[in-house]
Amino acid sequence: MVQKQDIITGRASWLQQSINVIPKSWRLRLNPRRYAIETFVRQSALKIKPSSLLLDAGAGPCPYKPFFAHCTYRATDFTDPHHLMDFTCDLQSIPQKTNTYDAILSTEVLEHVSDPLAVLKEKRRILKKGGVLYLTTPQSWMMHQKPHNYFYFTYFGLKHLLKEAGFTHFVIKPRGGYFWNLADTLRFNSLRQQYRNNTFLYCILTILEYPLTNILFPFMLFHLDWIDQQRDWTMGWTVTAIK
């Protein structure tokens, strides 16, 4: 007999496959959070000189490694389930010598550490003089990777932390405004996931909600974001900080 979970998993897989038919350049416009982060990482990679030594700190499955083919890429995280890390560590105590790296990449990691100031200080320590930290962090999002979801950051909070960590030259930019934030909230509302054990409700919500909240509304809102010039409702921030 086919299990409920098999039906649900199959439907979820079919939905993902249907989205993947869309070219990536357009698919990213349905996911402003991923679009903003990937654009920042790609542009940052172009600024790094060939053969530079880069550390991806909190690398997870290393999705951005291809952008750094011209660099010596190293990856670390506190666990290594994908067997991709060069070493594992707590980011508050990175087992590398002072002044080691030309650049450090850290995307959506700072909210998952219990002492973000200590982590920023440690990243600055292992950067060479003139080395650059490329960082992204959210201002708002749903709770995730529980229970290790400690903080979200405003512009002023990041500015304070960077100064306290010893960075004197940095640029903090918003990742979109109100409309990207709204699209992101609709896309990751998790309503369907709350009913994964109820096949009927899950299927109804999938049919009624998914095309609107994951395709139509995000695409429309993505192209309306220019209206918000103030950016107080940004999803999060990109940081470029020089040691």
Protein backbone atom coordinates (compact mmCIF):
# COMPACT_ATOMS: atom_id res chain seq x y z
CA MET A 1 0.00 0.00 0.00
CA VAL A 2 1.28 3.47 -0.87
CA GLN A 3 2.07 5.45 2.26
CA LYS A 4 0.81 9.02 2.81
CA GLN A 5 4.35 10.28 3.14
CA ASP A 6 5.24 8.74 -0.23
CA ILE A 7 2.34 10.59 -1.87
CA ILE A 8 3.34 13.88 -0.25
CA THR A 9 7.00 13.47 -1.13
CA GLY A 10 6.10 12.59 -4.70
CA ARG A 11 3.92 15.66 -5.10
CA ALA A 12 6.58 17.91 -3.60
CA SER A 13 9.15 16.42 -5.98
CA TRP A 14 6.84 16.98 -8.96
CA LEU A 15 6.35 20.62 -7.96
CA GLN A 16 10.09 21.21 -7.68
CA GLN A 17 10.74 19.53 -11.02
CA SER A 18 8.09 21.69 -12.68
CA ILE A 19 9.79 24.85 -11.36
CA ASN A 20 13.21 23.61 -12.49
CA VAL A 21 11.99 23.61 -16.09
CA ILE A 22 12.13 27.42 -15.93
CA PRO A 23 15.58 28.83 -16.87
CA LYS A 24 17.61 29.66 -13.77
CA SER A 25 17.87 33.37 -14.59
CA TRP A 26 14.09 33.58 -14.41
CA ARG A 27 13.71 30.98 -11.66
CA LEU A 28 15.76 33.14 -9.32
CA ARG A 29 13.22 35.92 -9.81
CA LEU A 30 10.73 33.71 -8.00
CA ASN A 31 13.09 33.58 -5.01
CA PRO A 32 14.38 37.10 -4.22
CA ARG A 33 16.33 35.89 -1.19
CA ARG A 34 18.37 33.47 -3.26
CA TYR A 35 18.62 35.95 -6.11
CA ALA A 36 20.07 38.66 -3.85
CA ILE A 37 22.58 36.36 -2.15
CA GLU A 38 23.76 34.67 -5.33
CA THR A 39 24.13 38.00 -7.14
CA PHE A 40 26.23 39.36 -4.26
CA VAL A 41 28.44 36.28 -4.12
CA ARG A 42 28.97 36.21 -7.90
CA GLN A 43 29.88 39.91 -7.98
CA SER A 44 32.17 39.51 -4.96
CA ALA A 45 33.97 36.59 -6.57
CA LEU A 46 34.81 38.75 -9.57
CA LYS A 47 36.63 41.19 -7.26
CA ILE A 48 38.95 38.54 -5.83
CA LYS A 49 42.32 38.16 -7.53
CA PRO A 50 43.23 34.80 -9.10
CA SER A 51 45.01 32.35 -6.81
CA SER A 52 43.76 34.15 -3.69
CA LEU A 53 43.15 31.95 -0.66
CA LEU A 54 39.46 32.07 0.29
CA LEU A 55 37.64 30.50 3.21
CA ASP A 56 33.92 29.76 2.94
CA ALA A 57 33.00 29.92 6.63
CA GLY A 58 29.73 28.12 7.32
CA ALA A 59 29.80 26.60 3.85
CA GLY A 60 27.14 23.90 4.24
CA PRO A 61 26.87 22.08 0.88
CA CYS A 62 29.28 24.60 -0.77
CA PRO A 63 26.76 25.96 -3.32
CA TYR A 64 29.03 28.88 -4.26
CA LYS A 65 32.25 26.97 -4.83
CA PRO A 66 31.94 27.18 -8.66
CA PHE A 67 32.10 30.99 -8.46
CA PHE A 68 35.61 30.73 -6.99
CA ALA A 69 37.27 28.43 -9.51
CA HIS A 70 39.97 31.05 -10.00
CA CYS A 71 40.79 30.97 -6.25
CA THR A 72 42.14 28.46 -3.79
CA TYR A 73 38.82 27.60 -2.16
CA ARG A 74 38.63 26.21 1.37
CA ALA A 75 35.45 25.35 3.27
CA THR A 76 34.56 24.93 6.93
CA ASP A 77 31.45 24.39 9.04
CA PHE A 78 30.68 22.94 12.45
CA THR A 79 29.53 19.66 10.84
CA ASP A 80 30.33 17.93 7.55
CA PRO A 81 27.38 15.73 6.52
CA HIS A 82 28.21 16.18 2.83
CA HIS A 83 31.92 15.39 3.29
CA LEU A 84 32.91 18.63 1.58
CA MET A 85 34.74 20.50 4.34
CA ASP A 86 38.48 20.99 4.47
CA PHE A 87 38.10 21.11 8.24
CA THR A 88 35.31 21.48 10.79
CA CYS A 89 35.24 23.92 13.69
CA ASP A 90 33.28 26.29 15.88
CA LEU A 91 33.51 29.66 14.11
CA GLN A 92 34.34 31.30 17.42
CA SER A 93 37.63 29.39 17.37
CA ILE A 94 38.91 28.74 13.85
CA PRO A 95 42.05 26.55 13.88
CA GLN A 96 44.01 28.68 11.42
CA LYS A 97 46.92 31.06 11.87
CA THR A 98 46.45 34.83 12.10
CA ASN A 99 46.67 36.60 8.71
CA THR A 100 45.98 33.45 6.65
CA TYR A 101 43.22 34.28 4.15
CA ASP A 102 42.87 36.85 1.40
CA ALA A 103 39.08 36.67 1.61
CA ILE A 104 36.33 35.08 3.68
CA LEU A 105 32.81 34.31 2.47
CA SER A 106 30.04 33.83 5.03
CA THR A 107 26.44 33.65 3.81
CA GLU A 108 23.47 33.45 6.20
CA VAL A 109 25.60 32.17 9.06
CA LEU A 110 25.81 34.94 11.64
CA GLU A 111 22.23 34.41 12.85
CA HIS A 112 23.13 30.83 13.81
CA VAL A 113 26.02 31.58 16.18
CA SER A 114 25.50 32.34 19.85
CA ASP A 115 28.19 35.04 19.95
CA PRO A 116 28.28 36.90 16.60
CA LEU A 117 30.83 39.44 17.86
CA ALA A 118 33.30 36.68 18.75
CA VAL A 119 32.81 35.14 15.30
CA LEU A 120 33.44 38.45 13.53
CA LYS A 121 36.57 39.01 15.60
CA GLU A 122 37.83 35.54 14.71
CA LYS A 123 37.20 36.10 11.01
CA ARG A 124 39.08 39.38 11.14
CA ARG A 125 41.97 37.66 12.94
CA ILE A 126 42.53 35.10 10.20
CA LEU A 127 42.21 37.64 7.38
CA LYS A 128 45.42 39.08 5.94
CA LYS A 129 45.89 42.82 6.14
CA GLY A 130 43.80 44.21 3.31
CA GLY A 131 41.78 40.99 3.21
CA VAL A 132 38.03 41.20 2.66
CA LEU A 133 35.07 39.66 4.46
CA TYR A 134 32.02 39.10 2.26
CA LEU A 135 29.02 38.54 4.50
CA THR A 136 25.25 38.20 4.17
CA THR A 137 22.82 38.06 7.03
CA PRO A 138 19.04 38.38 7.39
CA GLN A 139 17.09 41.16 9.04
CA SER A 140 13.99 39.00 9.17
CA TRP A 141 12.98 35.45 8.31
CA MET A 142 11.16 32.47 9.76
CA MET A 143 12.75 30.43 12.52
CA HIS A 144 14.95 27.76 10.95
CA GLN A 145 17.71 25.31 11.80
CA LYS A 146 16.18 25.12 15.26
CA PRO A 147 17.37 25.50 17.97
CA HIS A 148 20.41 27.27 16.49
CA ASN A 149 18.61 30.40 15.29
CA TYR A 150 19.69 33.14 17.67
CA PHE A 151 19.65 36.60 16.07
CA TYR A 152 18.52 38.74 13.15
CA PHE A 153 20.32 41.99 12.39
CA THR A 154 19.50 45.60 11.59
CA TYR A 155 21.86 47.94 9.78
CA PHE A 156 22.80 49.60 13.05
CA GLY A 157 23.37 46.29 14.81
CA LEU A 158 25.75 45.15 12.09
CA LYS A 159 27.55 48.48 12.08
CA HIS A 160 28.07 48.23 15.84
CA LEU A 161 29.32 44.64 15.66
CA LEU A 162 31.73 45.33 12.80
CA LYS A 163 33.25 48.28 14.63
CA GLU A 164 33.55 46.28 17.85
CA ALA A 165 35.24 43.48 15.89
CA GLY A 166 37.88 45.90 14.63
CA PHE A 167 36.68 46.59 11.09
CA THR A 168 37.02 50.26 10.19
CA HIS A 169 36.28 50.07 6.46
CA PHE A 170 33.01 48.39 5.52
CA VAL A 171 29.92 48.81 3.35
CA ILE A 172 26.49 47.51 4.39
CA LYS A 173 23.78 47.32 1.74
CA PRO A 174 20.12 46.17 1.91
CA ARG A 175 19.00 43.08 0.01
CA GLY A 176 15.87 44.48 -1.56
CA GLY A 177 12.96 46.32 0.02
CA TYR A 178 9.37 45.79 1.09
CA PHE A 179 8.19 43.94 -2.01
CA TRP A 180 11.07 41.45 -2.03
CA ASN A 181 10.46 40.88 1.67
CA LEU A 182 6.76 40.30 1.03
CA ALA A 183 7.53 37.88 -1.80
CA ASP A 184 9.97 36.02 0.44
CA THR A 185 7.41 35.78 3.26
CA LEU A 186 4.74 34.43 0.92
CA ARG A 187 7.14 31.95 -0.64
CA PHE A 188 8.38 30.50 2.64
CA ASN A 189 5.16 30.75 4.67
CA SER A 190 5.38 27.02 5.65
CA LEU A 191 1.59 26.64 5.71
CA ARG A 192 1.64 23.50 3.59
CA GLN A 193 4.42 21.97 5.66
CA GLN A 194 2.26 22.13 8.77
CA TYR A 195 -0.10 19.62 7.14
CA ARG A 196 2.36 17.13 5.71
CA ASN A 197 0.70 14.35 7.70
CA ASN A 198 -2.73 15.22 6.34
CA THR A 199 -2.66 14.18 2.69
CA PHE A 200 -6.01 15.78 1.83
CA LEU A 201 -5.26 19.21 3.31
CA TYR A 202 -1.71 19.15 2.01
CA CYS A 203 -2.90 18.46 -1.54
CA ILE A 204 -5.63 21.12 -1.36
CA LEU A 205 -3.18 23.72 -0.09
CA THR A 206 -0.70 22.69 -2.75
CA ILE A 207 -3.24 23.13 -5.54
CA LEU A 208 -4.69 26.40 -4.22
CA GLU A 209 -1.71 28.07 -2.60
CA TYR A 210 1.52 26.98 -4.30
CA PRO A 211 0.98 28.53 -7.76
CA LEU A 212 0.15 31.87 -6.14
CA THR A 213 2.67 32.07 -3.31
CA ASN A 214 5.61 30.42 -5.09
CA ILE A 215 5.19 31.56 -8.68
CA LEU A 216 2.73 34.33 -9.54
CA PHE A 217 2.99 36.67 -6.52
CA PRO A 218 6.80 36.41 -6.11
CA PHE A 219 7.34 37.14 -9.81
CA MET A 220 5.09 40.21 -9.67
CA LEU A 221 6.53 41.49 -6.40
CA PHE A 222 10.10 40.98 -7.60
CA HIS A 223 9.51 43.57 -10.31
CA LEU A 224 7.73 46.04 -8.01
CA ASP A 225 10.56 46.36 -5.51
CA TRP A 226 11.94 49.53 -7.14
CA ILE A 227 8.97 51.39 -5.62
CA ASP A 228 10.45 51.07 -2.12
CA GLN A 229 13.40 53.43 -1.98
CA GLN A 230 13.76 53.50 1.82
CA ARG A 231 14.49 49.76 2.26
CA ASP A 232 13.57 49.64 5.95
CA TRP A 233 11.70 46.38 5.24
CA THR A 234 14.69 44.70 3.63
CA MET A 235 15.08 40.91 3.93
CA GLY A 236 18.65 41.35 5.04
CA TRP A 237 22.06 42.80 4.32
CA THR A 238 25.25 42.31 2.36
CA VAL A 239 28.50 43.36 4.00
CA THR A 240 31.90 44.00 2.47
CA ALA A 241 34.46 44.63 5.23
CA ILE A 242 38.20 45.18 4.80
CA LYS A 243 40.79 44.40 7.46
